[in-house]
């Protein structure tokens, strides 16, 4: 078994699309599945008022 970790610089909200594309591409090499996917969104500006 081979476990692959991939980091993709994709636009925010594209996690589902990237997961599907990677899954379909890896299926050509054999039985494959996407185990997990995480999306790290850019932090927004925070204002402390008080």
N, C-alpha and C. Protein backbone atom coordinates (compact mmCIF):
# COMPACT_ATOMS: atom_id res chain seq x y z
N UNK A 1 0.85 -1.18 0.00
CA UNK A 1 0.00 0.00 0.00
C UNK A 1 0.89 1.23 0.00
N UNK A 2 0.47 2.23 -0.76
CA UNK A 2 1.19 3.49 -0.87
C UNK A 2 0.28 4.60 -0.36
N UNK A 3 0.77 5.41 0.55
CA UNK A 3 0.02 6.56 1.07
C UNK A 3 0.70 7.81 0.54
N UNK A 4 -0.08 8.68 -0.13
CA UNK A 4 0.45 9.88 -0.76
C UNK A 4 -0.17 11.10 -0.10
N UNK A 5 0.65 12.08 0.26
CA UNK A 5 0.17 13.35 0.80
C UNK A 5 0.46 14.42 -0.23
N UNK A 6 -0.58 15.19 -0.57
CA UNK A 6 -0.46 16.20 -1.63
C UNK A 6 -0.92 17.54 -1.09
N UNK A 7 -0.19 18.59 -1.39
CA UNK A 7 -0.59 19.95 -1.04
C UNK A 7 -0.88 20.67 -2.35
N UNK A 8 -2.09 21.23 -2.47
CA UNK A 8 -2.51 21.90 -3.69
C UNK A 8 -2.84 23.35 -3.38
N UNK A 9 -2.27 24.27 -4.13
CA UNK A 9 -2.57 25.69 -3.97
C UNK A 9 -3.77 26.01 -4.86
N UNK A 10 -4.96 25.71 -4.38
CA UNK A 10 -6.19 25.91 -5.14
C UNK A 10 -6.99 27.04 -4.53
N UNK A 11 -7.91 27.62 -5.30
CA UNK A 11 -8.72 28.71 -4.75
C UNK A 11 -9.61 28.22 -3.61
N UNK A 12 -9.98 29.11 -2.69
CA UNK A 12 -10.86 28.71 -1.59
C UNK A 12 -12.17 28.12 -2.12
N UNK A 13 -12.61 27.06 -1.48
CA UNK A 13 -13.86 26.41 -1.86
C UNK A 13 -13.70 25.33 -2.93
N UNK A 14 -12.49 25.06 -3.37
CA UNK A 14 -12.26 24.10 -4.45
C UNK A 14 -11.90 22.71 -3.93
N UNK A 15 -12.02 22.48 -2.64
CA UNK A 15 -11.57 21.21 -2.05
C UNK A 15 -12.30 20.02 -2.65
N UNK A 16 -13.61 20.11 -2.81
CA UNK A 16 -14.39 18.99 -3.35
C UNK A 16 -13.97 18.66 -4.78
N UNK A 17 -13.76 19.68 -5.58
CA UNK A 17 -13.35 19.48 -6.97
C UNK A 17 -11.96 18.83 -7.05
N UNK A 18 -11.04 19.31 -6.24
CA UNK A 18 -9.69 18.76 -6.22
C UNK A 18 -9.73 17.30 -5.79
N UNK A 19 -10.55 16.99 -4.79
CA UNK A 19 -10.68 15.60 -4.31
C UNK A 19 -11.15 14.68 -5.43
N UNK A 20 -12.16 15.12 -6.18
CA UNK A 20 -12.70 14.29 -7.25
C UNK A 20 -11.68 14.09 -8.37
N UNK A 21 -10.99 15.14 -8.76
CA UNK A 21 -10.00 15.04 -9.83
C UNK A 21 -8.86 14.11 -9.43
N UNK A 22 -8.36 14.26 -8.20
CA UNK A 22 -7.28 13.39 -7.74
C UNK A 22 -7.74 11.94 -7.64
N UNK A 23 -8.95 11.73 -7.13
CA UNK A 23 -9.47 10.37 -7.02
C UNK A 23 -9.57 9.68 -8.38
N UNK A 24 -10.10 10.40 -9.37
CA UNK A 24 -10.24 9.81 -10.71
C UNK A 24 -8.88 9.54 -11.35
N UNK A 25 -7.92 10.43 -11.13
CA UNK A 25 -6.60 10.23 -11.70
C UNK A 25 -5.90 9.02 -11.06
N UNK A 26 -6.04 8.87 -9.75
CA UNK A 26 -5.37 7.76 -9.05
C UNK A 26 -6.02 6.41 -9.33
N UNK A 27 -7.31 6.40 -9.66
CA UNK A 27 -7.98 5.13 -9.98
C UNK A 27 -7.36 4.45 -11.20
N UNK A 28 -6.73 5.21 -12.07
CA UNK A 28 -6.08 4.64 -13.25
C UNK A 28 -4.89 3.76 -12.87
N UNK A 29 -4.36 3.97 -11.67
CA UNK A 29 -3.20 3.20 -11.21
C UNK A 29 -3.58 1.99 -10.38
N UNK A 30 -4.85 1.85 -10.06
CA UNK A 30 -5.31 0.73 -9.25
C UNK A 30 -6.42 1.17 -8.31
N UNK A 31 -6.76 0.31 -7.38
CA UNK A 31 -7.80 0.61 -6.41
C UNK A 31 -7.33 1.75 -5.51
N UNK A 32 -8.03 2.89 -5.57
CA UNK A 32 -7.61 4.07 -4.81
C UNK A 32 -8.83 4.75 -4.21
N UNK A 33 -8.61 5.44 -3.10
CA UNK A 33 -9.67 6.24 -2.49
C UNK A 33 -9.03 7.41 -1.77
N UNK A 34 -9.76 8.50 -1.70
CA UNK A 34 -9.30 9.67 -0.96
C UNK A 34 -9.72 9.49 0.48
N UNK A 35 -8.77 9.41 1.39
CA UNK A 35 -9.04 9.13 2.80
C UNK A 35 -9.51 10.37 3.53
N UNK A 36 -8.84 11.49 3.32
CA UNK A 36 -9.24 12.72 3.99
C UNK A 36 -8.81 13.92 3.16
N UNK A 37 -9.49 15.01 3.41
CA UNK A 37 -9.16 16.26 2.74
C UNK A 37 -9.39 17.40 3.73
N UNK A 38 -8.44 18.32 3.81
CA UNK A 38 -8.56 19.48 4.71
C UNK A 38 -8.36 20.73 3.88
N UNK A 39 -9.09 21.77 4.23
CA UNK A 39 -8.94 23.04 3.54
C UNK A 39 -8.53 24.10 4.55
N UNK A 40 -7.39 24.70 4.32
CA UNK A 40 -6.93 25.77 5.20
C UNK A 40 -7.21 27.09 4.49
N UNK A 41 -8.23 27.80 4.97
CA UNK A 41 -8.61 29.06 4.37
C UNK A 41 -7.74 30.19 4.90
N UNK A 42 -7.52 31.21 4.09
CA UNK A 42 -6.73 32.35 4.58
C UNK A 42 -7.46 33.05 5.72
N UNK A 43 -6.68 33.53 6.68
CA UNK A 43 -7.28 34.21 7.83
C UNK A 43 -7.77 35.59 7.40
N UNK A 44 -8.91 35.97 7.95
CA UNK A 44 -9.44 37.30 7.67
C UNK A 44 -8.92 38.28 8.70
N UNK A 45 -8.94 39.53 8.36
CA UNK A 45 -8.50 40.58 9.26
C UNK A 45 -9.45 40.65 10.45
N UNK A 46 -8.89 40.68 11.66
CA UNK A 46 -9.70 40.75 12.87
C UNK A 46 -9.49 42.11 13.52
N UNK A 47 -10.56 42.70 13.97
CA UNK A 47 -10.48 43.99 14.67
C UNK A 47 -10.95 43.80 16.10
N UNK A 48 -10.10 44.20 17.04
CA UNK A 48 -10.48 44.17 18.46
C UNK A 48 -10.97 45.55 18.85
N UNK A 49 -12.25 45.65 19.13
CA UNK A 49 -12.83 46.92 19.54
C UNK A 49 -13.22 46.79 21.00
N UNK A 50 -12.69 47.65 21.80
CA UNK A 50 -13.09 47.55 23.19
C UNK A 50 -12.18 48.20 24.08
